[in-house]
Each structure stands twice: as structure tokens, then as C-alpha cells.
């Protein structure tokens, strides 16, 4: 049987390839802020579950969309040619740039439609601007003529959009207000999302530097990037501890400390290249565990 092929004769990517290209290990960065934002909403007695599910759909679609957009933009620039990390569709030649671009734009469009439902439900029309900025940030991370991800601003964007905007936004669309607890809870979530990006960029530091991609890891250098990663992993526990006087069960997050030890030890121990893929996986696990415990700690009052 002849394999399906894309225009130009290249074999068409399979569903397995598309799933791998979506980079499932990065999806906790979308799931956790929605869970934590919903926990903050529950603590005020204002959770609206269908809105929480729509917010989750928006977050996941944006995360997958930005992954495909990065695949497309890095692929056409050639910065993925010597990549040691997860599969890239364009860089590996498994998919045409056009097909990956269409996938990215399709995800952004679907996220916009889902987000519009929340705007209509809340009648907070200013959220349209927030949604537009979120999509623009997703695209221009590596897209356009001056991608900010090539100028050491990736971690700042991740902290803002996968921390502050995602957590506070999830709470807002449910309670139609912004309690201080949602803003405080966004800080550790944003830091853990940054940790994912830091370890990812640490893994690719050498190849990115050779390709002219000036990530924060390239600017800081190997040693300081490793220290930054450790800080992004440790600080969330300090934030949760600071919230114990007002939400005692946030102490539950301390149960996730054993999951923080292996990736911090790996990174501070000098692991390089492919060995850091394990660090990315471990960081994702930590983010999920911390997010689940933090959500319970916020939602359940004593």
C-alpha cells in the first residue's frame, strides 16, 4: 500500500507525528493555571464549571497553537536543524511548513471562538483585547521579522500569559471580579511555567547560540541558567507557604517537594543536551502535582 504523501512528494505526517509535534509534555503549562484559577474562584463561592472548561479549552488550544507556530517559525529559519529535543515537524521534514502553519492558525482560531463565548457570557468586552494580545504573544514568540523569543523575553511572556493572565483570567470569567488571592496564586504558577521553558532552553543552549537564537539561556550562560531554573522551582513553595495564614491547606503543596528534588539535582548537576529531556518531563510532573495540591489548598477552607 502506498503511503499518503503531501504535495511535493514528502510523506504526510501521521496522527502520532502531529501529537508529538504538539509537545504534550508542555501541556501542564496550560492545564495548571486554569485549575488554580478555578480553585481561587471556588474559594470565593463563585465557580462556574462550564466557564472553567471553556477556559481550559482556550488555554490548551493556545498552548498547542504556540507549539505548532514555533515549529513552523523555527523550521523555516533552520534553527531546528540540529535539535536534540522532541520531534519538530518542519525541521525533521515530516511536514511541510504550510501544513504546520495551518495547524497553528487553526488552533488560534478555535481558541478565539471559545474565548469569545466567555466574553459574551461575562460581557467584559475588554477581554477581547486580552485574547488578541495572548494570540499575538503566541505568534511573535518565534514568528515575524523580530521574534521576541530570540531576544531573551520568552520567560517574561510565559510568566505573564501562563501565570498572571491565565490564572487571574480564569478566576475573573467565573466570579466576574478579581480577588487578590487569584493574583497571588498566579505567581507560583507562572514561575513553574517559566521553569519548563528554562530547562527546555538550557537543553538547546548550544544549538540556539550557533543558530543566532538569543534565548535567555544563551544570554545568561550555562551556570546562571541552571541557577535560574532552581529559583523558578523553589520559589513557588515559598509563595504557597506565605499563603498558609489565610489558606492553611496551601501547605499541601509541600508534599510536592520530593518531585522537585530530581530535576533540580539533574540541572544543578550539569546535565546536558538529551539528558535534560528527563528534566523537562520531571518538571512537568512537578507542575501538575503542585498545581493539583495548590488548587485543593485554595478551594478548601477550614
C-alpha atoms as a PDB file:
ATOM      1  CA  UNK A   1       0.000   0.000   0.000  1.00  0.00           C
ATOM      2  CA  UNK A   2       1.358   3.443  -0.921  1.00  0.00           C
ATOM      3  CA  UNK A   3       1.832   5.845   1.990  1.00  0.00           C
ATOM      4  CA  UNK A   4      -0.073   9.104   1.938  1.00  0.00           C
ATOM      5  CA  UNK A   5       2.098  11.945   0.709  1.00  0.00           C
ATOM      6  CA  UNK A   6       1.922  15.700   0.922  1.00  0.00           C
ATOM      7  CA  UNK A   7       2.216  17.968  -2.138  1.00  0.00           C
ATOM      8  CA  UNK A   8       5.795  17.860  -3.365  1.00  0.00           C
ATOM      9  CA  UNK A   9       6.239  14.152  -2.653  1.00  0.00           C
ATOM     10  CA  UNK A  10       7.035  14.285   1.063  1.00  0.00           C
ATOM     11  CA  UNK A  11       5.370  11.601   3.209  1.00  0.00           C
ATOM     12  CA  UNK A  12       2.424  13.024   5.147  1.00  0.00           C
ATOM     13  CA  UNK A  13       2.850  13.060   8.926  1.00  0.00           C
ATOM     14  CA  UNK A  14       0.767  10.538  10.841  1.00  0.00           C
ATOM     15  CA  UNK A  15      -1.510  11.356  13.769  1.00  0.00           C
ATOM     16  CA  UNK A  16       1.288  10.190  16.052  1.00  0.00           C
ATOM     17  CA  UNK A  17       3.611  12.765  14.483  1.00  0.00           C
ATOM     18  CA  UNK A  18       1.064  15.562  14.915  1.00  0.00           C
ATOM     19  CA  UNK A  19       0.568  14.616  18.576  1.00  0.00           C
ATOM     20  CA  UNK A  20       4.327  14.595  19.145  1.00  0.00           C
ATOM     21  CA  UNK A  21       4.603  17.948  17.349  1.00  0.00           C
ATOM     22  CA  UNK A  22       2.011  19.384  19.735  1.00  0.00           C
ATOM     23  CA  UNK A  23       4.530  18.630  22.515  1.00  0.00           C
ATOM     24  CA  UNK A  24       2.235  17.044  25.124  1.00  0.00           C
ATOM     25  CA  UNK A  25       4.809  17.468  27.894  1.00  0.00           C
ATOM     26  CA  UNK A  26       4.287  21.232  27.747  1.00  0.00           C
ATOM     27  CA  UNK A  27       0.518  20.989  28.261  1.00  0.00           C
ATOM     28  CA  UNK A  28       0.690  21.195  32.073  1.00  0.00           C
ATOM     29  CA  UNK A  29       1.577  24.853  31.465  1.00  0.00           C
ATOM     30  CA  UNK A  30      -1.973  25.273  30.118  1.00  0.00           C
ATOM     31  CA  UNK A  31      -3.813  22.933  32.492  1.00  0.00           C
ATOM     32  CA  UNK A  32      -2.376  24.088  35.809  1.00  0.00           C
ATOM     33  CA  UNK A  33      -3.236  27.821  35.631  1.00  0.00           C
ATOM     34  CA  UNK A  34      -6.856  27.041  34.786  1.00  0.00           C
ATOM     35  CA  UNK A  35      -7.089  24.587  37.689  1.00  0.00           C
ATOM     36  CA  UNK A  36      -5.514  27.050  40.123  1.00  0.00           C
ATOM     37  CA  UNK A  37      -7.661  29.928  38.856  1.00  0.00           C
ATOM     38  CA  UNK A  38     -10.726  27.762  39.362  1.00  0.00           C
ATOM     39  CA  UNK A  39      -9.542  26.906  42.874  1.00  0.00           C
ATOM     40  CA  UNK A  40      -9.366  30.628  43.615  1.00  0.00           C
ATOM     41  CA  UNK A  41     -12.878  31.012  42.188  1.00  0.00           C
ATOM     42  CA  UNK A  42     -14.191  28.203  44.405  1.00  0.00           C
ATOM     43  CA  UNK A  43     -12.696  29.931  47.442  1.00  0.00           C
ATOM     44  CA  UNK A  44     -14.976  32.911  46.776  1.00  0.00           C
ATOM     45  CA  UNK A  45     -18.011  30.678  46.206  1.00  0.00           C
ATOM     46  CA  UNK A  46     -18.278  31.751  42.588  1.00  0.00           C
ATOM     47  CA  UNK A  47     -17.068  28.828  40.489  1.00  0.00           C
ATOM     48  CA  UNK A  48     -18.926  28.329  37.188  1.00  0.00           C
ATOM     49  CA  UNK A  49     -17.827  24.961  35.853  1.00  0.00           C
ATOM     50  CA  UNK A  50     -18.771  25.335  32.196  1.00  0.00           C
ATOM     51  CA  UNK A  51     -16.780  28.557  32.075  1.00  0.00           C
ATOM     52  CA  UNK A  52     -13.834  26.783  33.680  1.00  0.00           C
ATOM     53  CA  UNK A  53     -13.980  24.079  30.994  1.00  0.00           C
ATOM     54  CA  UNK A  54     -14.141  26.661  28.206  1.00  0.00           C
ATOM     55  CA  UNK A  55     -11.185  28.496  29.765  1.00  0.00           C
ATOM     56  CA  UNK A  56      -9.300  25.186  29.779  1.00  0.00           C
ATOM     57  CA  UNK A  57     -10.087  24.691  26.097  1.00  0.00           C
ATOM     58  CA  UNK A  58      -8.762  28.184  25.343  1.00  0.00           C
ATOM     59  CA  UNK A  59      -5.555  27.550  27.289  1.00  0.00           C
ATOM     60  CA  UNK A  60      -4.881  24.151  25.696  1.00  0.00           C
ATOM     61  CA  UNK A  61      -5.583  25.432  22.179  1.00  0.00           C
ATOM     62  CA  UNK A  62      -3.248  28.389  22.699  1.00  0.00           C
ATOM     63  CA  UNK A  63      -0.508  26.114  24.055  1.00  0.00           C
ATOM     64  CA  UNK A  64      -0.783  23.684  21.153  1.00  0.00           C
ATOM     65  CA  UNK A  65      -1.035  26.583  18.731  1.00  0.00           C
ATOM     66  CA  UNK A  66       2.131  28.219  20.025  1.00  0.00           C
ATOM     67  CA  UNK A  67       3.947  24.876  19.813  1.00  0.00           C
ATOM     68  CA  UNK A  68       2.989  24.469  16.156  1.00  0.00           C
ATOM     69  CA  UNK A  69       3.760  28.136  15.473  1.00  0.00           C
ATOM     70  CA  UNK A  70       7.229  27.709  16.994  1.00  0.00           C
ATOM     71  CA  UNK A  71       7.709  24.545  14.955  1.00  0.00           C
ATOM     72  CA  UNK A  72       6.827  26.469  11.784  1.00  0.00           C
ATOM     73  CA  UNK A  73       8.874  29.614  12.503  1.00  0.00           C
ATOM     74  CA  UNK A  74      11.973  27.827  13.809  1.00  0.00           C
ATOM     75  CA  UNK A  75      11.716  25.308  10.985  1.00  0.00           C
ATOM     76  CA  UNK A  76      11.718  27.846   8.154  1.00  0.00           C
ATOM     77  CA  UNK A  77      14.610  29.703   9.811  1.00  0.00           C
ATOM     78  CA  UNK A  78      16.633  26.495  10.125  1.00  0.00           C
ATOM     79  CA  UNK A  79      17.120  26.801  13.889  1.00  0.00           C
ATOM     80  CA  UNK A  80      15.697  23.289  14.406  1.00  0.00           C
ATOM     81  CA  UNK A  81      18.120  21.559  12.053  1.00  0.00           C
ATOM     82  CA  UNK A  82      20.349  20.265  14.865  1.00  0.00           C
ATOM     83  CA  UNK A  83      17.701  19.979  17.568  1.00  0.00           C
ATOM     84  CA  UNK A  84      18.183  17.405  20.335  1.00  0.00           C
ATOM     85  CA  UNK A  85      14.732  17.721  21.902  1.00  0.00           C
ATOM     86  CA  UNK A  86      11.254  16.492  20.975  1.00  0.00           C
ATOM     87  CA  UNK A  87      10.185  15.956  17.388  1.00  0.00           C
ATOM     88  CA  UNK A  88       9.770  19.053  15.223  1.00  0.00           C
ATOM     89  CA  UNK A  89       7.608  18.535  12.155  1.00  0.00           C
ATOM     90  CA  UNK A  90       9.142  21.127   9.839  1.00  0.00           C
ATOM     91  CA  UNK A  91      12.745  20.741  10.963  1.00  0.00           C
ATOM     92  CA  UNK A  92      12.599  16.963  10.529  1.00  0.00           C
ATOM     93  CA  UNK A  93      10.966  17.226   7.108  1.00  0.00           C
ATOM     94  CA  UNK A  94       7.928  15.209   8.226  1.00  0.00           C
ATOM     95  CA  UNK A  95       5.500  18.002   7.353  1.00  0.00           C
ATOM     96  CA  UNK A  96       5.523  20.983   5.039  1.00  0.00           C
ATOM     97  CA  UNK A  97       5.778  24.439   6.613  1.00  0.00           C
ATOM     98  CA  UNK A  98       2.370  25.297   5.148  1.00  0.00           C
ATOM     99  CA  UNK A  99       0.589  22.388   6.844  1.00  0.00           C
ATOM    100  CA  UNK A 100       2.119  23.223  10.236  1.00  0.00           C
ATOM    101  CA  UNK A 101       1.215  26.883   9.783  1.00  0.00           C
ATOM    102  CA  UNK A 102      -2.379  25.915   9.021  1.00  0.00           C
ATOM    103  CA  UNK A 103      -2.458  23.759  12.165  1.00  0.00           C
ATOM    104  CA  UNK A 104      -1.173  26.648  14.279  1.00  0.00           C
ATOM    105  CA  UNK A 105      -3.644  29.142  12.838  1.00  0.00           C
ATOM    106  CA  UNK A 106      -6.464  26.623  13.250  1.00  0.00           C
ATOM    107  CA  UNK A 107      -5.672  26.293  16.956  1.00  0.00           C
ATOM    108  CA  UNK A 108      -5.563  30.069  17.383  1.00  0.00           C
ATOM    109  CA  UNK A 109      -8.888  30.458  15.595  1.00  0.00           C
ATOM    110  CA  UNK A 110     -10.526  27.776  17.745  1.00  0.00           C
ATOM    111  CA  UNK A 111      -9.126  29.430  20.890  1.00  0.00           C
ATOM    112  CA  UNK A 112     -10.532  32.775  19.745  1.00  0.00           C
ATOM    113  CA  UNK A 113     -14.002  31.301  19.193  1.00  0.00           C
ATOM    114  CA  UNK A 114     -14.008  29.625  22.622  1.00  0.00           C
ATOM    115  CA  UNK A 115     -12.729  32.808  24.239  1.00  0.00           C
ATOM    116  CA  UNK A 116     -15.459  34.824  22.540  1.00  0.00           C
ATOM    117  CA  UNK A 117     -18.044  32.639  24.293  1.00  0.00           C
ATOM    118  CA  UNK A 118     -16.573  33.710  27.637  1.00  0.00           C
ATOM    119  CA  UNK A 119     -16.546  37.363  26.594  1.00  0.00           C
ATOM    120  CA  UNK A 120     -20.225  37.192  25.654  1.00  0.00           C
ATOM    121  CA  UNK A 121     -21.101  35.375  28.900  1.00  0.00           C
ATOM    122  CA  UNK A 122     -19.320  37.914  31.108  1.00  0.00           C
ATOM    123  CA  UNK A 123     -19.978  40.963  28.893  1.00  0.00           C
ATOM    124  CA  UNK A 124     -16.421  42.006  29.723  1.00  0.00           C
ATOM    125  CA  UNK A 125     -15.601  43.240  26.240  1.00  0.00           C
ATOM    126  CA  UNK A 126     -12.124  44.334  27.257  1.00  0.00           C
ATOM    127  CA  UNK A 127     -11.268  40.634  27.391  1.00  0.00           C
ATOM    128  CA  UNK A 128     -11.205  40.755  23.578  1.00  0.00           C
ATOM    129  CA  UNK A 129      -8.015  42.804  23.849  1.00  0.00           C
ATOM    130  CA  UNK A 130      -6.532  40.311  26.318  1.00  0.00           C
ATOM    131  CA  UNK A 131      -7.331  37.462  23.936  1.00  0.00           C
ATOM    132  CA  UNK A 132      -5.822  39.308  20.980  1.00  0.00           C
ATOM    133  CA  UNK A 133      -2.660  40.038  22.960  1.00  0.00           C
ATOM    134  CA  UNK A 134      -2.427  36.382  24.004  1.00  0.00           C
ATOM    135  CA  UNK A 135      -2.612  35.186  20.387  1.00  0.00           C
ATOM    136  CA  UNK A 136      -0.151  37.861  19.263  1.00  0.00           C
ATOM    137  CA  UNK A 137       2.258  36.825  22.021  1.00  0.00           C
ATOM    138  CA  UNK A 138       1.929  33.187  20.948  1.00  0.00           C
ATOM    139  CA  UNK A 139       2.719  34.021  17.325  1.00  0.00           C
ATOM    140  CA  UNK A 140       5.502  36.568  17.768  1.00  0.00           C
ATOM    141  CA  UNK A 141       7.411  34.409  20.246  1.00  0.00           C
ATOM    142  CA  UNK A 142       9.271  32.972  17.270  1.00  0.00           C
ATOM    143  CA  UNK A 143       7.226  34.430  14.392  1.00  0.00           C
ATOM    144  CA  UNK A 144       7.588  37.653  12.452  1.00  0.00           C
ATOM    145  CA  UNK A 145      10.753  39.509  11.495  1.00  0.00           C
ATOM    146  CA  UNK A 146      11.776  40.312  15.112  1.00  0.00           C
ATOM    147  CA  UNK A 147      10.624  37.416  17.337  1.00  0.00           C
ATOM    148  CA  UNK A 148      10.917  38.327  20.996  1.00  0.00           C
ATOM    149  CA  UNK A 149      11.777  34.737  21.917  1.00  0.00           C
ATOM    150  CA  UNK A 150      15.083  35.336  20.117  1.00  0.00           C
ATOM    151  CA  UNK A 151      15.684  38.373  22.348  1.00  0.00           C
ATOM    152  CA  UNK A 152      15.616  36.732  25.785  1.00  0.00           C
ATOM    153  CA  UNK A 153      11.998  37.720  26.516  1.00  0.00           C
ATOM    154  CA  UNK A 154      10.402  34.279  26.362  1.00  0.00           C
ATOM    155  CA  UNK A 155      10.351  33.726  30.109  1.00  0.00           C
ATOM    156  CA  UNK A 156       8.791  37.147  30.719  1.00  0.00           C
ATOM    157  CA  UNK A 157       5.984  36.326  28.280  1.00  0.00           C
ATOM    158  CA  UNK A 158       5.420  32.885  29.806  1.00  0.00           C
ATOM    159  CA  UNK A 159       5.195  34.353  33.311  1.00  0.00           C
ATOM    160  CA  UNK A 160       2.687  36.981  32.164  1.00  0.00           C
ATOM    161  CA  UNK A 161       0.462  34.841  29.944  1.00  0.00           C
ATOM    162  CA  UNK A 162       0.718  31.384  31.540  1.00  0.00           C
ATOM    163  CA  UNK A 163       0.821  32.837  35.034  1.00  0.00           C
ATOM    164  CA  UNK A 164      -0.873  36.173  35.615  1.00  0.00           C
ATOM    165  CA  UNK A 165      -3.241  36.235  32.638  1.00  0.00           C
ATOM    166  CA  UNK A 166      -4.219  32.557  32.692  1.00  0.00           C
ATOM    167  CA  UNK A 167      -4.823  32.243  36.438  1.00  0.00           C
ATOM    168  CA  UNK A 168      -6.394  35.648  37.021  1.00  0.00           C
ATOM    169  CA  UNK A 169      -8.358  35.398  33.777  1.00  0.00           C
ATOM    170  CA  UNK A 170      -9.786  32.001  34.713  1.00  0.00           C
ATOM    171  CA  UNK A 171     -10.915  33.357  38.056  1.00  0.00           C
ATOM    172  CA  UNK A 172     -12.346  36.509  36.514  1.00  0.00           C
ATOM    173  CA  UNK A 173     -14.557  34.793  33.935  1.00  0.00           C
ATOM    174  CA  UNK A 174     -16.130  32.743  36.727  1.00  0.00           C
ATOM    175  CA  UNK A 175     -16.591  35.281  39.532  1.00  0.00           C
ATOM    176  CA  UNK A 176     -16.626  38.377  37.301  1.00  0.00           C
ATOM    177  CA  UNK A 177     -14.188  40.032  39.656  1.00  0.00           C
ATOM    178  CA  UNK A 178     -10.503  39.785  40.535  1.00  0.00           C
ATOM    179  CA  UNK A 179      -9.804  38.749  44.148  1.00  0.00           C
ATOM    180  CA  UNK A 180      -6.282  39.344  45.408  1.00  0.00           C
ATOM    181  CA  UNK A 181      -5.890  35.610  46.027  1.00  0.00           C
ATOM    182  CA  UNK A 182      -6.071  34.904  42.275  1.00  0.00           C
ATOM    183  CA  UNK A 183      -3.249  37.370  41.584  1.00  0.00           C
ATOM    184  CA  UNK A 184      -1.099  35.928  44.381  1.00  0.00           C
ATOM    185  CA  UNK A 185      -1.763  32.377  43.175  1.00  0.00           C
ATOM    186  CA  UNK A 186      -0.670  33.334  39.671  1.00  0.00           C
ATOM    187  CA  UNK A 187       2.915  33.974  40.789  1.00  0.00           C
ATOM    188  CA  UNK A 188       3.998  30.382  41.613  1.00  0.00           C
ATOM    189  CA  UNK A 189       2.091  29.078  38.582  1.00  0.00           C
ATOM    190  CA  UNK A 190       3.940  31.499  36.316  1.00  0.00           C
ATOM    191  CA  UNK A 191       7.284  30.567  37.865  1.00  0.00           C
ATOM    192  CA  UNK A 192       6.752  26.846  37.273  1.00  0.00           C
ATOM    193  CA  UNK A 193       5.738  27.560  33.677  1.00  0.00           C
ATOM    194  CA  UNK A 194       8.979  29.521  33.332  1.00  0.00           C
ATOM    195  CA  UNK A 195      10.889  26.545  34.745  1.00  0.00           C
ATOM    196  CA  UNK A 196       9.629  24.430  31.841  1.00  0.00           C
ATOM    197  CA  UNK A 197      10.909  26.973  29.339  1.00  0.00           C
ATOM    198  CA  UNK A 198      14.211  27.474  31.152  1.00  0.00           C
ATOM    199  CA  UNK A 199      15.077  23.765  31.174  1.00  0.00           C
ATOM    200  CA  UNK A 200      13.957  23.492  27.550  1.00  0.00           C
ATOM    201  CA  UNK A 201      16.208  26.380  26.511  1.00  0.00           C
ATOM    202  CA  UNK A 202      19.067  25.086  28.648  1.00  0.00           C
ATOM    203  CA  UNK A 203      18.875  21.821  26.722  1.00  0.00           C
ATOM    204  CA  UNK A 204      19.045  23.703  23.415  1.00  0.00           C
ATOM    205  CA  UNK A 205      21.554  26.344  24.554  1.00  0.00           C
ATOM    206  CA  UNK A 206      24.433  25.340  22.309  1.00  0.00           C
ATOM    207  CA  UNK A 207      22.350  24.850  19.169  1.00  0.00           C
ATOM    208  CA  UNK A 208      20.407  28.068  19.754  1.00  0.00           C
ATOM    209  CA  UNK A 209      23.622  30.051  20.205  1.00  0.00           C
ATOM    210  CA  UNK A 210      25.048  28.655  16.964  1.00  0.00           C
ATOM    211  CA  UNK A 211      21.793  29.481  15.124  1.00  0.00           C
ATOM    212  CA  UNK A 212      21.757  33.059  16.440  1.00  0.00           C
ATOM    213  CA  UNK A 213      18.710  32.443  18.650  1.00  0.00           C
ATOM    214  CA  UNK A 214      19.387  34.562  21.751  1.00  0.00           C
ATOM    215  CA  UNK A 215      17.181  32.957  24.352  1.00  0.00           C
ATOM    216  CA  UNK A 216      17.561  33.976  27.977  1.00  0.00           C
ATOM    217  CA  UNK A 217      19.666  30.838  28.452  1.00  0.00           C
ATOM    218  CA  UNK A 218      22.060  31.994  25.724  1.00  0.00           C
ATOM    219  CA  UNK A 219      22.295  35.463  27.284  1.00  0.00           C
ATOM    220  CA  UNK A 220      22.794  34.225  30.853  1.00  0.00           C
ATOM    221  CA  UNK A 221      25.080  31.346  30.011  1.00  0.00           C
ATOM    222  CA  UNK A 222      25.057  27.803  31.331  1.00  0.00           C
ATOM    223  CA  UNK A 223      25.697  28.304  35.055  1.00  0.00           C
ATOM    224  CA  UNK A 224      23.314  31.219  35.638  1.00  0.00           C
ATOM    225  CA  UNK A 225      20.584  29.495  33.647  1.00  0.00           C
ATOM    226  CA  UNK A 226      20.847  26.486  35.937  1.00  0.00           C
ATOM    227  CA  UNK A 227      20.534  28.745  38.985  1.00  0.00           C
ATOM    228  CA  UNK A 228      17.528  30.477  37.411  1.00  0.00           C
ATOM    229  CA  UNK A 229      15.857  27.108  36.930  1.00  0.00           C
ATOM    230  CA  UNK A 230      16.413  26.184  40.567  1.00  0.00           C
ATOM    231  CA  UNK A 231      14.938  29.521  41.641  1.00  0.00           C
ATOM    232  CA  UNK A 232      11.845  29.041  39.478  1.00  0.00           C
ATOM    233  CA  UNK A 233      11.260  25.629  41.077  1.00  0.00           C
ATOM    234  CA  UNK A 234      11.961  26.579  44.696  1.00  0.00           C
ATOM    235  CA  UNK A 235      10.191  29.963  44.892  1.00  0.00           C
ATOM    236  CA  UNK A 236       6.652  28.563  44.337  1.00  0.00           C
ATOM    237  CA  UNK A 237       6.923  26.635  47.589  1.00  0.00           C
ATOM    238  CA  UNK A 238       7.852  29.838  49.419  1.00  0.00           C
ATOM    239  CA  UNK A 239       4.812  31.618  47.952  1.00  0.00           C
ATOM    240  CA  UNK A 240       2.479  28.798  48.967  1.00  0.00           C
ATOM    241  CA  UNK A 241       3.966  28.816  52.460  1.00  0.00           C
ATOM    242  CA  UNK A 242       3.342  32.573  52.693  1.00  0.00           C
ATOM    243  CA  UNK A 243      -0.347  31.957  51.970  1.00  0.00           C
ATOM    244  CA  UNK A 244      -0.764  29.435  54.811  1.00  0.00           C
ATOM    245  CA  UNK A 245      -2.042  32.055  57.309  1.00  0.00           C
ATOM    246  CA  UNK A 246      -5.022  32.832  55.042  1.00  0.00           C
ATOM    247  CA  UNK A 247      -5.402  29.457  53.288  1.00  0.00           C
ATOM    248  CA  UNK A 248      -3.941  26.818  55.637  1.00  0.00           C
ATOM    249  CA  UNK A 249      -4.301  23.943  53.183  1.00  0.00           C
ATOM    250  CA  UNK A 250      -1.869  25.539  50.739  1.00  0.00           C
ATOM    251  CA  UNK A 251       0.619  23.733  52.989  1.00  0.00           C
ATOM    252  CA  UNK A 252      -0.348  20.663  50.945  1.00  0.00           C
ATOM    253  CA  UNK A 253       1.981  21.908  48.194  1.00  0.00           C
ATOM    254  CA  UNK A 254       4.914  20.958  50.417  1.00  0.00           C
ATOM    255  CA  UNK A 255       4.051  17.333  49.613  1.00  0.00           C
ATOM    256  CA  UNK A 256       5.332  18.020  46.091  1.00  0.00           C
ATOM    257  CA  UNK A 257       8.849  18.866  47.290  1.00  0.00           C
ATOM    258  CA  UNK A 258      10.134  15.296  46.658  1.00  0.00           C
ATOM    259  CA  UNK A 259       9.163  15.760  42.998  1.00  0.00           C
ATOM    260  CA  UNK A 260      11.219  18.955  42.843  1.00  0.00           C
ATOM    261  CA  UNK A 261      14.425  17.321  44.037  1.00  0.00           C
ATOM    262  CA  UNK A 262      15.275  15.125  40.983  1.00  0.00           C
ATOM    263  CA  UNK A 263      15.010  17.839  38.295  1.00  0.00           C
ATOM    264  CA  UNK A 264      16.835  20.434  40.411  1.00  0.00           C
ATOM    265  CA  UNK A 265      19.576  17.918  41.159  1.00  0.00           C
ATOM    266  CA  UNK A 266      19.770  16.989  37.465  1.00  0.00           C
ATOM    267  CA  UNK A 267      20.028  20.599  36.307  1.00  0.00           C
ATOM    268  CA  UNK A 268      22.431  21.777  39.012  1.00  0.00           C
ATOM    269  CA  UNK A 269      24.460  18.614  38.466  1.00  0.00           C
ATOM    270  CA  UNK A 270      25.395  19.773  34.966  1.00  0.00           C
ATOM    271  CA  UNK A 271      23.247  17.518  32.751  1.00  0.00           C
ATOM    272  CA  UNK A 272      23.490  18.449  29.085  1.00  0.00           C
ATOM    273  CA  UNK A 273      21.543  18.014  25.847  1.00  0.00           C
ATOM    274  CA  UNK A 274      19.383  14.887  25.635  1.00  0.00           C
ATOM    275  CA  UNK A 275      19.840  14.178  29.360  1.00  0.00           C
ATOM    276  CA  UNK A 276      17.774  17.293  30.078  1.00  0.00           C
ATOM    277  CA  UNK A 277      14.743  15.794  28.336  1.00  0.00           C
ATOM    278  CA  UNK A 278      14.229  13.875  31.574  1.00  0.00           C
ATOM    279  CA  UNK A 279      14.377  17.204  33.401  1.00  0.00           C
ATOM    280  CA  UNK A 280      11.613  18.570  31.202  1.00  0.00           C
ATOM    281  CA  UNK A 281       9.460  15.528  31.935  1.00  0.00           C
ATOM    282  CA  UNK A 282      10.143  15.757  35.677  1.00  0.00           C
ATOM    283  CA  UNK A 283       9.340  19.468  35.695  1.00  0.00           C
ATOM    284  CA  UNK A 284       6.022  18.751  34.005  1.00  0.00           C
ATOM    285  CA  UNK A 285       5.207  16.184  36.690  1.00  0.00           C
ATOM    286  CA  UNK A 286       6.126  18.639  39.423  1.00  0.00           C
ATOM    287  CA  UNK A 287       3.975  21.332  37.841  1.00  0.00           C
ATOM    288  CA  UNK A 288       0.966  19.001  37.698  1.00  0.00           C
ATOM    289  CA  UNK A 289       1.388  17.800  41.284  1.00  0.00           C
ATOM    290  CA  UNK A 290       1.969  21.289  42.661  1.00  0.00           C
ATOM    291  CA  UNK A 291      -0.980  22.627  40.662  1.00  0.00           C
ATOM    292  CA  UNK A 292      -3.334  19.919  41.952  1.00  0.00           C
ATOM    293  CA  UNK A 293      -2.296  20.405  45.591  1.00  0.00           C
ATOM    294  CA  UNK A 294      -2.363  24.192  45.296  1.00  0.00           C
ATOM    295  CA  UNK A 295      -5.829  24.074  43.760  1.00  0.00           C
ATOM    296  CA  UNK A 296      -7.128  21.987  46.669  1.00  0.00           C
ATOM    297  CA  UNK A 297      -5.422  24.306  49.144  1.00  0.00           C
ATOM    298  CA  UNK A 298      -7.095  27.344  47.628  1.00  0.00           C
ATOM    299  CA  UNK A 299     -10.529  25.792  47.177  1.00  0.00           C
ATOM    300  CA  UNK A 300     -10.930  24.126  50.552  1.00  0.00           C
ATOM    301  CA  UNK A 301     -11.252  26.461  53.510  1.00  0.00           C
ATOM    302  CA  UNK A 302     -11.003  25.425  57.142  1.00  0.00           C
END
